[in-house]
C-alpha atoms as a PDB file:
ATOM      1  CA  MET A   1     118.249 123.708  81.544  1.00  0.00           C
ATOM      2  CA  PRO A   2     116.230 120.496  81.929  1.00  0.00           C
ATOM      3  CA  ASN A   3     117.870 117.649  83.790  1.00  0.00           C
ATOM      4  CA  ASP A   4     117.097 114.140  85.027  1.00  0.00           C
ATOM      5  CA  LEU A   5     116.734 115.360  88.610  1.00  0.00           C
ATOM      6  CA  ASP A   6     113.913 117.772  87.798  1.00  0.00           C
ATOM      7  CA  PRO A   7     110.856 115.664  86.842  1.00  0.00           C
ATOM      8  CA  LYS A   8     108.811 118.574  85.517  1.00  0.00           C
ATOM      9  CA  TYR A   9     110.964 118.818  82.386  1.00  0.00           C
ATOM     10  CA  TYR A  10     110.390 116.310  79.612  1.00  0.00           C
ATOM     11  CA  PHE A  11     111.887 118.207  76.678  1.00  0.00           C
ATOM     12  CA  GLU A  12     114.821 120.515  76.161  1.00  0.00           C
ATOM     13  CA  ASP A  13     113.011 122.412  73.402  1.00  0.00           C
ATOM     14  CA  ASN A  14     110.582 121.992  70.487  1.00  0.00           C
ATOM     15  CA  GLN A  15     113.104 120.028  68.441  1.00  0.00           C
ATOM     16  CA  ASP A  16     113.705 117.542  71.256  1.00  0.00           C
ATOM     17  CA  ALA A  17     109.927 117.135  71.697  1.00  0.00           C
ATOM     18  CA  ALA A  18     109.464 116.506  67.968  1.00  0.00           C
ATOM     19  CA  GLN A  19     112.218 113.882  67.960  1.00  0.00           C
ATOM     20  CA  GLN A  20     110.731 112.063  70.947  1.00  0.00           C
ATOM     21  CA  LEU A  21     107.290 112.155  69.323  1.00  0.00           C
ATOM     22  CA  ILE A  22     108.543 110.794  65.996  1.00  0.00           C
ATOM     23  CA  GLN A  23     110.136 107.852  67.812  1.00  0.00           C
ATOM     24  CA  THR A  24     106.670 106.736  68.988  1.00  0.00           C
ATOM     25  CA  LEU A  25     105.136 106.725  65.496  1.00  0.00           C
ATOM     26  CA  PRO A  26     104.628 103.767  63.114  1.00  0.00           C
ATOM     27  CA  ILE A  27     106.928 105.347  60.516  1.00  0.00           C
ATOM     28  CA  ALA A  28     106.827 102.416  58.069  1.00  0.00           C
ATOM     29  CA  LEU A  29     103.000 102.273  58.098  1.00  0.00           C
ATOM     30  CA  LEU A  30     102.641 105.995  57.461  1.00  0.00           C
ATOM     31  CA  SER A  31     105.382 106.029  54.828  1.00  0.00           C
ATOM     32  CA  GLU A  32     103.901 103.119  52.893  1.00  0.00           C
ATOM     33  CA  ASN A  33     100.417 104.632  52.711  1.00  0.00           C
ATOM     34  CA  GLU A  34      99.161 107.927  51.339  1.00  0.00           C
ATOM     35  CA  THR A  35      99.335 110.069  54.449  1.00  0.00           C
ATOM     36  CA  VAL A  36      98.412 113.660  55.280  1.00  0.00           C
ATOM     37  CA  VAL A  37      99.809 115.158  58.474  1.00  0.00           C
ATOM     38  CA  ILE A  38      97.693 117.982  59.873  1.00  0.00           C
ATOM     39  CA  GLY A  39      98.593 120.547  62.502  1.00  0.00           C
ATOM     40  CA  VAL A  40      95.417 121.356  64.415  1.00  0.00           C
ATOM     41  CA  SER A  41      96.791 124.616  65.813  1.00  0.00           C
ATOM     42  CA  GLU A  42      99.480 127.122  64.946  1.00  0.00           C
ATOM     43  CA  SER A  43     101.830 125.628  67.550  1.00  0.00           C
ATOM     44  CA  GLY A  44     101.066 122.154  66.203  1.00  0.00           C
ATOM     45  CA  VAL A  45     102.320 123.056  62.713  1.00  0.00           C
ATOM     46  CA  TYR A  46     106.002 122.741  63.680  1.00  0.00           C
ATOM     47  CA  PHE A  47     105.460 119.200  64.946  1.00  0.00           C
ATOM     48  CA  ALA A  48     103.286 118.295  61.956  1.00  0.00           C
ATOM     49  CA  ASP A  49     106.013 119.544  59.628  1.00  0.00           C
ATOM     50  CA  GLN A  50     108.667 117.430  61.344  1.00  0.00           C
ATOM     51  CA  ILE A  51     106.469 114.327  61.156  1.00  0.00           C
ATOM     52  CA  ALA A  52     105.588 114.976  57.508  1.00  0.00           C
ATOM     53  CA  LYS A  53     109.276 115.137  56.623  1.00  0.00           C
ATOM     54  CA  ALA A  54     109.977 111.940  58.563  1.00  0.00           C
ATOM     55  CA  VAL A  55     107.306 109.968  56.670  1.00  0.00           C
ATOM     56  CA  ASP A  56     107.566 111.910  53.360  1.00  0.00           C
ATOM     57  CA  ALA A  57     103.943 113.047  53.522  1.00  0.00           C
ATOM     58  CA  ARG A  58     101.871 116.119  52.772  1.00  0.00           C
ATOM     59  CA  MET A  59     101.435 118.566  55.643  1.00  0.00           C
ATOM     60  CA  ASP A  60      98.557 120.995  56.178  1.00  0.00           C
ATOM     61  CA  ILE A  61      96.866 123.033  58.905  1.00  0.00           C
ATOM     62  CA  LEU A  62      93.260 122.664  60.055  1.00  0.00           C
ATOM     63  CA  LEU A  63      91.857 125.973  61.306  1.00  0.00           C
ATOM     64  CA  THR A  64      89.694 125.986  64.425  1.00  0.00           C
ATOM     65  CA  GLU A  65      88.330 128.617  66.790  1.00  0.00           C
ATOM     66  CA  PRO A  66      87.159 128.278  70.409  1.00  0.00           C
ATOM     67  CA  ILE A  67      83.713 129.376  71.563  1.00  0.00           C
ATOM     68  CA  MET A  68      83.900 130.960  74.987  1.00  0.00           C
ATOM     69  CA  ALA A  69      81.382 130.886  77.817  1.00  0.00           C
ATOM     70  CA  PRO A  70      79.124 133.966  77.818  1.00  0.00           C
ATOM     71  CA  ASN A  71      80.039 134.688  81.442  1.00  0.00           C
ATOM     72  CA  ASN A  72      83.766 133.875  81.154  1.00  0.00           C
ATOM     73  CA  SER A  73      85.773 135.037  78.140  1.00  0.00           C
ATOM     74  CA  GLU A  74      88.670 132.729  79.036  1.00  0.00           C
ATOM     75  CA  LEU A  75      86.690 129.472  79.316  1.00  0.00           C
ATOM     76  CA  PRO A  76      86.257 127.507  76.054  1.00  0.00           C
ATOM     77  CA  ILE A  77      82.990 125.569  76.016  1.00  0.00           C
ATOM     78  CA  ALA A  78      83.009 124.458  72.365  1.00  0.00           C
ATOM     79  CA  MET A  79      85.106 124.489  69.196  1.00  0.00           C
ATOM     80  CA  VAL A  80      84.300 125.117  65.528  1.00  0.00           C
ATOM     81  CA  SER A  81      86.476 124.027  62.610  1.00  0.00           C
ATOM     82  CA  GLU A  82      86.922 125.277  59.077  1.00  0.00           C
ATOM     83  CA  THR A  83      84.664 122.474  57.842  1.00  0.00           C
ATOM     84  CA  GLU A  84      81.997 123.985  60.136  1.00  0.00           C
ATOM     85  CA  GLU A  85      81.961 121.006  62.471  1.00  0.00           C
ATOM     86  CA  VAL A  86      81.210 121.848  66.105  1.00  0.00           C
ATOM     87  CA  VAL A  87      82.186 119.984  69.265  1.00  0.00           C
ATOM     88  CA  ILE A  88      80.616 120.984  72.595  1.00  0.00           C
ATOM     89  CA  HIS A  89      81.943 120.488  76.123  1.00  0.00           C
ATOM     90  CA  LYS A  90      78.655 119.065  77.432  1.00  0.00           C
ATOM     91  CA  VAL A  91      79.649 119.052  81.101  1.00  0.00           C
ATOM     92  CA  LEU A  92      80.469 122.754  81.050  1.00  0.00           C
ATOM     93  CA  ILE A  93      77.383 123.909  79.173  1.00  0.00           C
ATOM     94  CA  ASP A  94      75.176 121.890  81.534  1.00  0.00           C
ATOM     95  CA  ALA A  95      77.002 123.249  84.580  1.00  0.00           C
ATOM     96  CA  PHE A  96      76.591 126.850  83.425  1.00  0.00           C
ATOM     97  CA  GLU A  97      73.123 126.243  81.917  1.00  0.00           C
ATOM     98  CA  ILE A  98      74.219 127.542  78.512  1.00  0.00           C
ATOM     99  CA  ASN A  99      71.721 127.163  75.685  1.00  0.00           C
ATOM    100  CA  GLU A 100      72.995 125.245  72.653  1.00  0.00           C
ATOM    101  CA  ASP A 101      71.489 127.902  70.377  1.00  0.00           C
ATOM    102  CA  TYR A 102      74.052 130.313  71.818  1.00  0.00           C
ATOM    103  CA  ILE A 103      76.857 127.920  70.912  1.00  0.00           C
ATOM    104  CA  TYR A 104      75.738 127.356  67.321  1.00  0.00           C
ATOM    105  CA  ASN A 105      75.152 131.074  66.781  1.00  0.00           C
ATOM    106  CA  GLU A 106      78.618 131.800  68.136  1.00  0.00           C
ATOM    107  CA  ALA A 107      80.087 129.001  65.994  1.00  0.00           C
ATOM    108  CA  HIS A 108      78.638 130.590  62.862  1.00  0.00           C
ATOM    109  CA  ARG A 109      79.923 134.020  63.869  1.00  0.00           C
ATOM    110  CA  LYS A 110      83.405 132.680  64.659  1.00  0.00           C
ATOM    111  CA  TYR A 111      83.507 130.824  61.350  1.00  0.00           C
ATOM    112  CA  GLU A 112      82.524 133.921  59.349  1.00  0.00           C
ATOM    113  CA  GLU A 113      84.669 136.421  61.263  1.00  0.00           C
ATOM    114  CA  ASP A 114      87.757 134.417  62.222  1.00  0.00           C
ATOM    115  CA  VAL A 115      88.119 131.012  60.570  1.00  0.00           C
ATOM    116  CA  LEU A 116      87.661 132.253  57.001  1.00  0.00           C
ATOM    117  CA  LYS A 117      90.158 135.030  57.692  1.00  0.00           C
ATOM    118  CA  TYR A 118      92.790 132.529  58.853  1.00  0.00           C
ATOM    119  CA  ILE A 119      92.182 130.254  55.870  1.00  0.00           C
ATOM    120  CA  TYR A 120      93.109 133.176  53.651  1.00  0.00           C
ATOM    121  CA  LYS A 121      96.076 134.218  55.790  1.00  0.00           C
ATOM    122  CA  TYR A 122      97.637 130.784  56.040  1.00  0.00           C
ATOM    123  CA  ARG A 123      96.589 129.144  52.767  1.00  0.00           C
ATOM    124  CA  LYS A 124      95.597 132.091  50.557  1.00  0.00           C
ATOM    125  CA  GLY A 125      92.062 130.694  50.481  1.00  0.00           C
ATOM    126  CA  ARG A 126      93.114 127.201  49.377  1.00  0.00           C
ATOM    127  CA  GLU A 127      90.864 124.455  50.716  1.00  0.00           C
ATOM    128  CA  LEU A 128      92.112 121.840  53.147  1.00  0.00           C
ATOM    129  CA  SER A 129      94.074 119.065  51.434  1.00  0.00           C
ATOM    130  CA  ALA A 130      91.920 116.236  50.081  1.00  0.00           C
ATOM    131  CA  LEU A 131      91.584 113.567  52.781  1.00  0.00           C
ATOM    132  CA  LYS A 132      89.294 110.976  51.202  1.00  0.00           C
ATOM    133  CA  ASP A 133      90.732 107.471  51.680  1.00  0.00           C
ATOM    134  CA  LYS A 134      93.943 108.905  53.180  1.00  0.00           C
ATOM    135  CA  TYR A 135      95.768 108.067  56.376  1.00  0.00           C
ATOM    136  CA  VAL A 136      95.577 111.226  58.499  1.00  0.00           C
ATOM    137  CA  VAL A 137      97.766 112.155  61.459  1.00  0.00           C
ATOM    138  CA  LEU A 138      96.365 114.961  63.621  1.00  0.00           C
ATOM    139  CA  VAL A 139      99.131 116.776  65.473  1.00  0.00           C
ATOM    140  CA  ASP A 140      99.204 119.357  68.238  1.00  0.00           C
ATOM    141  CA  SER A 141     101.859 120.650  70.621  1.00  0.00           C
ATOM    142  CA  CYS A 142      99.777 119.297  73.529  1.00  0.00           C
ATOM    143  CA  VAL A 143      96.277 118.052  74.335  1.00  0.00           C
ATOM    144  CA  GLU A 144      94.714 119.450  77.487  1.00  0.00           C
ATOM    145  CA  THR A 145      90.890 119.423  77.318  1.00  0.00           C
ATOM    146  CA  GLY A 146      90.648 117.530  74.013  1.00  0.00           C
ATOM    147  CA  LEU A 147      88.180 119.998  72.446  1.00  0.00           C
ATOM    148  CA  THR A 148      90.462 121.030  69.591  1.00  0.00           C
ATOM    149  CA  MET A 149      91.459 117.453  68.824  1.00  0.00           C
ATOM    150  CA  MET A 150      87.863 116.217  68.957  1.00  0.00           C
ATOM    151  CA  VAL A 151      86.653 118.818  66.459  1.00  0.00           C
ATOM    152  CA  ALA A 152      89.635 117.998  64.247  1.00  0.00           C
ATOM    153  CA  LEU A 153      88.768 114.284  64.426  1.00  0.00           C
ATOM    154  CA  LYS A 154      85.147 114.988  63.550  1.00  0.00           C
ATOM    155  CA  SER A 155      86.229 117.202  60.647  1.00  0.00           C
ATOM    156  CA  VAL A 156      88.645 114.787  58.970  1.00  0.00           C
ATOM    157  CA  ILE A 157      86.263 111.845  59.398  1.00  0.00           C
ATOM    158  CA  GLU A 158      83.573 113.875  57.638  1.00  0.00           C
ATOM    159  CA  GLU A 159      86.132 114.604  54.903  1.00  0.00           C
ATOM    160  CA  GLY A 160      86.487 110.865  54.274  1.00  0.00           C
ATOM    161  CA  ALA A 161      89.776 109.992  55.972  1.00  0.00           C
ATOM    162  CA  LYS A 162      90.450 106.238  55.911  1.00  0.00           C
ATOM    163  CA  ASN A 163      92.441 106.009  59.157  1.00  0.00           C
ATOM    164  CA  VAL A 164      92.926 108.762  61.724  1.00  0.00           C
ATOM    165  CA  TYR A 165      95.790 108.932  64.217  1.00  0.00           C
ATOM    166  CA  ILE A 166      96.645 111.469  66.905  1.00  0.00           C
ATOM    167  CA  ALA A 167     100.207 112.531  67.712  1.00  0.00           C
ATOM    168  CA  THR A 168     101.269 114.964  70.429  1.00  0.00           C
ATOM    169  CA  PRO A 169     104.321 115.321  72.689  1.00  0.00           C
ATOM    170  CA  LEU A 170     102.142 115.940  75.765  1.00  0.00           C
ATOM    171  CA  LEU A 171      98.712 114.683  76.731  1.00  0.00           C
ATOM    172  CA  ASP A 172      96.548 115.104  79.794  1.00  0.00           C
ATOM    173  CA  LYS A 173      95.768 111.580  81.023  1.00  0.00           C
ATOM    174  CA  SER A 174      92.153 112.537  81.687  1.00  0.00           C
ATOM    175  CA  VAL A 175      91.405 112.776  77.947  1.00  0.00           C
ATOM    176  CA  TYR A 176      93.547 109.841  76.796  1.00  0.00           C
ATOM    177  CA  ASN A 177      90.882 107.126  76.834  1.00  0.00           C
ATOM    178  CA  ASN A 178      88.249 109.388  75.279  1.00  0.00           C
ATOM    179  CA  LEU A 179      90.480 110.184  72.309  1.00  0.00           C
ATOM    180  CA  LEU A 180      91.771 106.627  71.956  1.00  0.00           C
ATOM    181  CA  SER A 181      88.199 105.350  71.654  1.00  0.00           C
ATOM    182  CA  VAL A 182      87.492 107.491  68.584  1.00  0.00           C
ATOM    183  CA  CYS A 183      90.725 107.226  66.590  1.00  0.00           C
ATOM    184  CA  ASP A 184      92.858 104.444  65.109  1.00  0.00           C
ATOM    185  CA  GLY A 185      95.915 105.148  67.228  1.00  0.00           C
ATOM    186  CA  LEU A 186      97.260 107.698  69.687  1.00  0.00           C
ATOM    187  CA  PHE A 187     100.985 108.394  69.933  1.00  0.00           C
ATOM    188  CA  CYS A 188     102.419 110.416  72.799  1.00  0.00           C
ATOM    189  CA  PRO A 189     105.736 110.074  74.651  1.00  0.00           C
ATOM    190  CA  HIS A 190     104.400 111.671  77.858  1.00  0.00           C
ATOM    191  CA  LYS A 191     100.926 111.437  79.399  1.00  0.00           C
ATOM    192  CA  ILE A 192     100.539 113.916  82.245  1.00  0.00           C
ATOM    193  CA  SER A 193      98.437 113.739  85.403  1.00  0.00           C
ATOM    194  CA  ASP A 194      97.266 117.125  86.706  1.00  0.00           C
ATOM    195  CA  TYR A 195      98.443 118.971  83.601  1.00  0.00           C
ATOM    196  CA  ILE A 196      99.612 122.542  84.341  1.00  0.00           C
ATOM    197  CA  SER A 197     100.708 124.354  81.162  1.00  0.00           C
ATOM    198  CA  ILE A 198     102.876 123.447  78.212  1.00  0.00           C
ATOM    199  CA  GLU A 199     105.812 125.686  79.209  1.00  0.00           C
ATOM    200  CA  TYR A 200     106.118 123.818  82.506  1.00  0.00           C
ATOM    201  CA  TYR A 201     107.372 120.664  80.752  1.00  0.00           C
ATOM    202  CA  TYR A 202     110.008 122.288  78.514  1.00  0.00           C
ATOM    203  CA  GLY A 203     113.374 123.833  79.154  1.00  0.00           C
ATOM    204  CA  VAL A 204     112.437 126.261  76.363  1.00  0.00           C
ATOM    205  CA  PHE A 205     109.107 126.175  74.540  1.00  0.00           C
ATOM    206  CA  THR A 206     108.705 128.414  71.494  1.00  0.00           C
ATOM    207  CA  ASP A 207     105.347 129.356  70.004  1.00  0.00           C
ATOM    208  CA  PRO A 208     105.668 130.088  66.273  1.00  0.00           C
ATOM    209  CA  THR A 209     104.835 133.496  64.840  1.00  0.00           C
ATOM    210  CA  PHE A 210     102.315 133.909  62.027  1.00  0.00           C
ATOM    211  CA  ASP A 211     105.165 134.357  59.545  1.00  0.00           C
ATOM    212  CA  GLU A 212     106.855 131.162  60.732  1.00  0.00           C
ATOM    213  CA  VAL A 213     103.637 129.154  60.373  1.00  0.00           C
ATOM    214  CA  ARG A 214     102.977 130.575  56.919  1.00  0.00           C
ATOM    215  CA  GLU A 215     106.586 129.930  55.873  1.00  0.00           C
ATOM    216  CA  THR A 216     106.338 126.304  57.027  1.00  0.00           C
ATOM    217  CA  ILE A 217     103.141 125.758  55.023  1.00  0.00           C
ATOM    218  CA  VAL A 218     104.617 127.381  51.889  1.00  0.00           C
ATOM    219  CA  SER A 219     107.823 125.345  52.249  1.00  0.00           C
ATOM    220  CA  GLN A 220     105.800 122.123  52.442  1.00  0.00           C
ATOM    221  CA  GLU A 221     103.832 123.074  49.328  1.00  0.00           C
ATOM    222  CA  GLN A 222     107.057 123.796  47.438  1.00  0.00           C
ATOM    223  CA  ARG A 223     108.599 120.506  48.572  1.00  0.00           C
ATOM    224  CA  LEU A 224     105.615 118.518  47.325  1.00  0.00           C
ATOM    225  CA  LYS A 225     105.511 120.461  44.041  1.00  0.00           C
ATOM    226  CA  ALA A 226     109.185 119.709  43.429  1.00  0.00           C
ATOM    227  CA  LYS A 227     108.629 116.053  44.280  1.00  0.00           C
ATOM    228  CA  THR A 228     105.737 115.828  41.799  1.00  0.00           C
ATOM    229  CA  GLU A 229     107.729 117.498  39.040  1.00  0.00           C
ATOM    230  CA  ASN A 230     110.627 115.109  39.535  1.00  0.00           C
END
């Protein structure tokens, strides 16, 4: 179990992390404005759901897929989102002399083969919630390289979001200033130097299953439908 004497632990479990994250948020601001809370990964959906309930907002998931280096199948060098926005890790592609044509070809392939499939699986083909003139909170379980969050930022800005905030329980300090410079606010209870892996900072970290993510999304849709009908 986590304890005060062991500095590597910041959270007992996902619920504890969500509670600590919510305490950093401007709850009144988000509650008073039309807000959409978006999980930018499957593991981010749990935290997005908890925030959405805290501020009585709509929750959704933004689907993204990594583009891996041609010579290293475990190294993400870019990211594509369901709105077909692409963000490239310029330092890596320059270091490995990777042609941008490769990245955009891979982005198109990933979109056609993977992203569209997940849109159907998670939302039955429904489009991303309307974001024009909304306050948007982008949520993930952690931010390590910033690629996923950057493509999410680019996507929701292109969709017309009025204000965009980032919320995550854990953040690598090396990407903090970069993200802060392109959003309206960044909320994170713990900024980590020399980030290792998400499990290292939890007593117990649980990644949701597909069924759990889908159930969370359906539950949110039902909650909002009931609210509208009442």
